[in-house]
Amino acid sequence: MFPVWFFMIMIGIIGYLLYLTRPNEDSFVVISRNGLRKMQGWFRGRVSGRG
């Protein structure tokens, strides 16, 4: 069994890494635009009979 302090340190490290690598608002806009383009291309392919 691991001691409690081990889990507390692991949670702290994971939280800190998630904080450092968090997306900012600009990247959310880019991700949403790319996702929208992919979905539009997929729908167009389905409508035209390709894909």
Protein backbone atom coordinates (compact mmCIF):
# COMPACT_ATOMS: atom_id res chain seq x y z
CA MET A 1 0.00 0.00 0.00
CA PHE A 2 1.16 3.50 -0.81
CA PRO A 3 1.10 6.13 1.94
CA VAL A 4 -1.41 8.96 1.78
CA TRP A 5 1.27 11.59 1.15
CA PHE A 6 2.24 9.74 -2.05
CA PHE A 7 -1.25 10.21 -3.50
CA MET A 8 -1.36 13.84 -2.41
CA ILE A 9 1.93 14.53 -4.19
CA MET A 10 0.77 12.69 -7.32
CA ILE A 11 -2.50 14.65 -7.42
CA GLY A 12 -0.53 17.88 -6.99
CA ILE A 13 1.87 17.02 -9.82
CA ILE A 14 -0.94 16.00 -12.17
CA GLY A 15 -2.91 19.14 -11.36
CA TYR A 16 0.14 21.32 -11.93
CA LEU A 17 0.86 19.68 -15.29
CA LEU A 18 -2.76 20.10 -16.35
CA TYR A 19 -2.53 23.76 -15.34
CA LEU A 20 0.65 24.28 -17.36
CA THR A 21 -0.75 22.58 -20.47
CA ARG A 22 -4.25 24.07 -20.27
CA PRO A 23 -5.60 25.51 -23.51
CA ASN A 24 -6.21 29.23 -23.63
CA GLU A 25 -9.15 30.93 -25.32
CA ASP A 26 -7.29 31.37 -28.62
CA SER A 27 -6.59 27.66 -28.96
CA PHE A 28 -10.25 26.89 -28.16
CA VAL A 29 -11.25 29.08 -31.12
CA VAL A 30 -8.76 27.30 -33.41
CA ILE A 31 -9.88 23.86 -32.23
CA SER A 32 -13.55 24.70 -32.75
CA ARG A 33 -12.88 26.08 -36.25
CA ASN A 34 -10.88 23.00 -37.26
CA GLY A 35 -13.57 20.71 -35.88
CA LEU A 36 -16.27 22.64 -37.74
CA ARG A 37 -14.36 22.34 -41.02
CA LYS A 38 -13.90 18.60 -40.52
CA MET A 39 -17.59 18.13 -39.79
CA GLN A 40 -18.59 20.23 -42.82
CA GLY A 41 -16.31 18.17 -45.07
CA TRP A 42 -17.69 14.94 -43.64
CA PHE A 43 -21.30 16.05 -44.16
CA ARG A 44 -20.59 17.21 -47.72
CA GLY A 45 -18.99 13.86 -48.48
CA ARG A 46 -22.01 12.02 -47.10
CA VAL A 47 -24.50 14.17 -49.02
CA SER A 48 -22.69 13.81 -52.33
CA GLY A 49 -22.40 10.03 -51.90
CA ARG A 50 -18.68 9.83 -51.20
CA GLY A 51 -17.12 8.56 -47.99
